[in-house]
Amino acid sequence: MATASLQACLDACNACAVACDRCAAACLRDAPAQLARCIALDLDCAQICRLAAGFMARGSELIGVLCETCAEICDACGDECERHEMPHCRECAAACRHCAEACRAMGGT
């Protein structure tokens, strides 16, 4: 496994988790009832990104499997966040897309 791609994916997962946390917190302040799905997916995405980062940091043999799942969850979160116009949702969607791409690259290794 290439060290540069591993580090890029780890960094993308960490950045995505932070963006999802920020988005969830902002959505809770803005309109929690209308943004319930966005908040739920933000929390799920942040959690799977942190889990994937941990697997990568430990050099788990199951990185590829987990990264594929992480990419799917990032896609779902990114799709939901793109439905909203708030800057924090747009930033989260971009972080999700970047993370999904990096995770797919790791999943294929």
C-alpha atoms as a PDB file:
ATOM      1  CA  MET A   1       0.000   0.000   0.000  1.00  0.00           C
ATOM      2  CA  ALA A   2       1.414   3.373  -0.997  1.00  0.00           C
ATOM      3  CA  THR A   3       2.223   5.609   1.939  1.00  0.00           C
ATOM      4  CA  ALA A   4       1.237   8.807   0.102  1.00  0.00           C
ATOM      5  CA  SER A   5      -2.244   7.506  -0.782  1.00  0.00           C
ATOM      6  CA  LEU A   6      -2.716   6.156   2.740  1.00  0.00           C
ATOM      7  CA  GLN A   7      -1.838   9.545   4.243  1.00  0.00           C
ATOM      8  CA  ALA A   8      -4.052  11.369   1.729  1.00  0.00           C
ATOM      9  CA  CYS A   9      -7.002   9.159   2.624  1.00  0.00           C
ATOM     10  CA  LEU A  10      -6.370   9.470   6.355  1.00  0.00           C
ATOM     11  CA  ASP A  11      -6.229  13.274   6.009  1.00  0.00           C
ATOM     12  CA  ALA A  12      -9.407  13.306   3.891  1.00  0.00           C
ATOM     13  CA  CYS A  13     -11.247  11.178   6.458  1.00  0.00           C
ATOM     14  CA  ASN A  14     -10.204  13.449   9.313  1.00  0.00           C
ATOM     15  CA  ALA A  15     -11.176  16.589   7.391  1.00  0.00           C
ATOM     16  CA  CYS A  16     -14.512  15.072   6.433  1.00  0.00           C
ATOM     17  CA  ALA A  17     -15.288  14.124  10.038  1.00  0.00           C
ATOM     18  CA  VAL A  18     -14.633  17.700  11.149  1.00  0.00           C
ATOM     19  CA  ALA A  19     -16.742  19.157   8.304  1.00  0.00           C
ATOM     20  CA  CYS A  20     -19.599  16.786   9.188  1.00  0.00           C
ATOM     21  CA  ASP A  21     -19.403  17.758  12.870  1.00  0.00           C
ATOM     22  CA  ARG A  22     -19.532  21.441  11.951  1.00  0.00           C
ATOM     23  CA  CYS A  23     -22.437  20.882   9.567  1.00  0.00           C
ATOM     24  CA  ALA A  24     -24.432  18.897  12.133  1.00  0.00           C
ATOM     25  CA  ALA A  25     -23.881  21.550  14.802  1.00  0.00           C
ATOM     26  CA  ALA A  26     -24.904  24.358  12.448  1.00  0.00           C
ATOM     27  CA  CYS A  27     -27.969  22.435  11.254  1.00  0.00           C
ATOM     28  CA  LEU A  28     -29.012  21.929  14.871  1.00  0.00           C
ATOM     29  CA  ARG A  29     -28.858  25.703  15.371  1.00  0.00           C
ATOM     30  CA  ASP A  30     -30.572  26.533  12.056  1.00  0.00           C
ATOM     31  CA  ALA A  31     -33.603  24.278  11.777  1.00  0.00           C
ATOM     32  CA  PRO A  32     -33.206  20.867  13.376  1.00  0.00           C
ATOM     33  CA  ALA A  33     -36.644  19.546  12.379  1.00  0.00           C
ATOM     34  CA  GLN A  34     -36.205  20.387   8.689  1.00  0.00           C
ATOM     35  CA  LEU A  35     -32.606  19.196   8.618  1.00  0.00           C
ATOM     36  CA  ALA A  36     -33.005  15.964  10.612  1.00  0.00           C
ATOM     37  CA  ARG A  37     -31.786  13.723   7.769  1.00  0.00           C
ATOM     38  CA  CYS A  38     -28.798  15.973   7.121  1.00  0.00           C
ATOM     39  CA  ILE A  39     -27.864  15.918  10.804  1.00  0.00           C
ATOM     40  CA  ALA A  40     -28.230  12.128  11.034  1.00  0.00           C
ATOM     41  CA  LEU A  41     -26.074  11.545   7.947  1.00  0.00           C
ATOM     42  CA  ASP A  42     -23.491  14.068   9.189  1.00  0.00           C
ATOM     43  CA  LEU A  43     -23.166  12.114  12.429  1.00  0.00           C
ATOM     44  CA  ASP A  44     -22.974   8.754  10.639  1.00  0.00           C
ATOM     45  CA  CYS A  45     -20.407  10.075   8.191  1.00  0.00           C
ATOM     46  CA  ALA A  46     -18.224  11.644  10.885  1.00  0.00           C
ATOM     47  CA  GLN A  47     -18.237   8.372  12.806  1.00  0.00           C
ATOM     48  CA  ILE A  48     -17.317   6.142   9.848  1.00  0.00           C
ATOM     49  CA  CYS A  49     -14.583   8.580   8.798  1.00  0.00           C
ATOM     50  CA  ARG A  50     -13.047   8.454  12.267  1.00  0.00           C
ATOM     51  CA  LEU A  51     -13.288   4.662  12.272  1.00  0.00           C
ATOM     52  CA  ALA A  52     -11.609   4.451   8.855  1.00  0.00           C
ATOM     53  CA  ALA A  53      -8.857   6.819  10.001  1.00  0.00           C
ATOM     54  CA  GLY A  54      -8.239   4.575  13.000  1.00  0.00           C
ATOM     55  CA  PHE A  55      -8.030   1.473  10.798  1.00  0.00           C
ATOM     56  CA  MET A  56      -5.530   3.244   8.550  1.00  0.00           C
ATOM     57  CA  ALA A  57      -3.463   4.514  11.482  1.00  0.00           C
ATOM     58  CA  ARG A  58      -3.203   0.941  12.792  1.00  0.00           C
ATOM     59  CA  GLY A  59      -2.432  -0.514   9.394  1.00  0.00           C
ATOM     60  CA  SER A  60      -5.402  -2.875   9.573  1.00  0.00           C
ATOM     61  CA  GLU A  61      -5.637  -5.550   6.903  1.00  0.00           C
ATOM     62  CA  LEU A  62      -9.311  -4.564   6.518  1.00  0.00           C
ATOM     63  CA  ILE A  63      -8.670  -0.980   5.391  1.00  0.00           C
ATOM     64  CA  GLY A  64      -9.959  -1.646   1.875  1.00  0.00           C
ATOM     65  CA  VAL A  65     -13.263  -3.074   3.057  1.00  0.00           C
ATOM     66  CA  LEU A  66     -13.891  -0.253   5.498  1.00  0.00           C
ATOM     67  CA  CYS A  67     -12.848   2.424   3.018  1.00  0.00           C
ATOM     68  CA  GLU A  68     -15.374   1.142   0.474  1.00  0.00           C
ATOM     69  CA  THR A  69     -18.119   1.437   3.105  1.00  0.00           C
ATOM     70  CA  CYS A  70     -16.859   4.860   4.145  1.00  0.00           C
ATOM     71  CA  ALA A  71     -17.046   6.034   0.535  1.00  0.00           C
ATOM     72  CA  GLU A  72     -20.682   4.920   0.271  1.00  0.00           C
ATOM     73  CA  ILE A  73     -21.636   6.765   3.447  1.00  0.00           C
ATOM     74  CA  CYS A  74     -19.720   9.869   2.334  1.00  0.00           C
ATOM     75  CA  ASP A  75     -21.667   9.783  -0.937  1.00  0.00           C
ATOM     76  CA  ALA A  76     -24.987   9.631   0.916  1.00  0.00           C
ATOM     77  CA  CYS A  77     -24.013  12.495   3.206  1.00  0.00           C
ATOM     78  CA  GLY A  78     -22.676  14.547   0.311  1.00  0.00           C
ATOM     79  CA  ASP A  79     -25.892  14.007  -1.652  1.00  0.00           C
ATOM     80  CA  GLU A  80     -27.991  15.209   1.265  1.00  0.00           C
ATOM     81  CA  CYS A  81     -25.785  18.212   2.040  1.00  0.00           C
ATOM     82  CA  GLU A  82     -25.877  19.287  -1.620  1.00  0.00           C
ATOM     83  CA  ARG A  83     -29.647  19.649  -1.317  1.00  0.00           C
ATOM     84  CA  HIS A  84     -29.179  22.602   1.055  1.00  0.00           C
ATOM     85  CA  GLU A  85     -27.907  26.081   0.283  1.00  0.00           C
ATOM     86  CA  MET A  86     -26.200  26.858   3.607  1.00  0.00           C
ATOM     87  CA  PRO A  87     -22.432  27.316   3.330  1.00  0.00           C
ATOM     88  CA  HIS A  88     -21.724  24.707   6.010  1.00  0.00           C
ATOM     89  CA  CYS A  89     -23.721  22.122   4.033  1.00  0.00           C
ATOM     90  CA  ARG A  90     -21.890  22.995   0.826  1.00  0.00           C
ATOM     91  CA  GLU A  91     -18.510  22.728   2.583  1.00  0.00           C
ATOM     92  CA  CYS A  92     -19.523  19.402   4.082  1.00  0.00           C
ATOM     93  CA  ALA A  93     -20.639  18.081   0.690  1.00  0.00           C
ATOM     94  CA  ALA A  94     -17.261  19.002  -0.812  1.00  0.00           C
ATOM     95  CA  ALA A  95     -15.394  17.293   2.046  1.00  0.00           C
ATOM     96  CA  CYS A  96     -17.588  14.203   1.623  1.00  0.00           C
ATOM     97  CA  ARG A  97     -16.881  14.045  -2.113  1.00  0.00           C
ATOM     98  CA  HIS A  98     -13.141  14.378  -1.551  1.00  0.00           C
ATOM     99  CA  CYS A  99     -13.159  11.717   1.159  1.00  0.00           C
ATOM    100  CA  ALA A 100     -15.239   9.310  -0.949  1.00  0.00           C
ATOM    101  CA  GLU A 101     -12.738   9.642  -3.789  1.00  0.00           C
ATOM    102  CA  ALA A 102      -9.758   9.054  -1.491  1.00  0.00           C
ATOM    103  CA  CYS A 103     -11.486   6.086   0.161  1.00  0.00           C
ATOM    104  CA  ARG A 104     -12.327   4.499  -3.166  1.00  0.00           C
ATOM    105  CA  ALA A 105      -8.669   4.769  -4.138  1.00  0.00           C
ATOM    106  CA  MET A 106      -7.731   3.004  -0.888  1.00  0.00           C
ATOM    107  CA  GLY A 107     -10.443   0.392  -1.316  1.00  0.00           C
ATOM    108  CA  GLY A 108      -9.015  -0.532  -4.692  1.00  0.00           C
ATOM    109  CA  THR A 109      -5.537  -1.180  -3.347  1.00  0.00           C
END
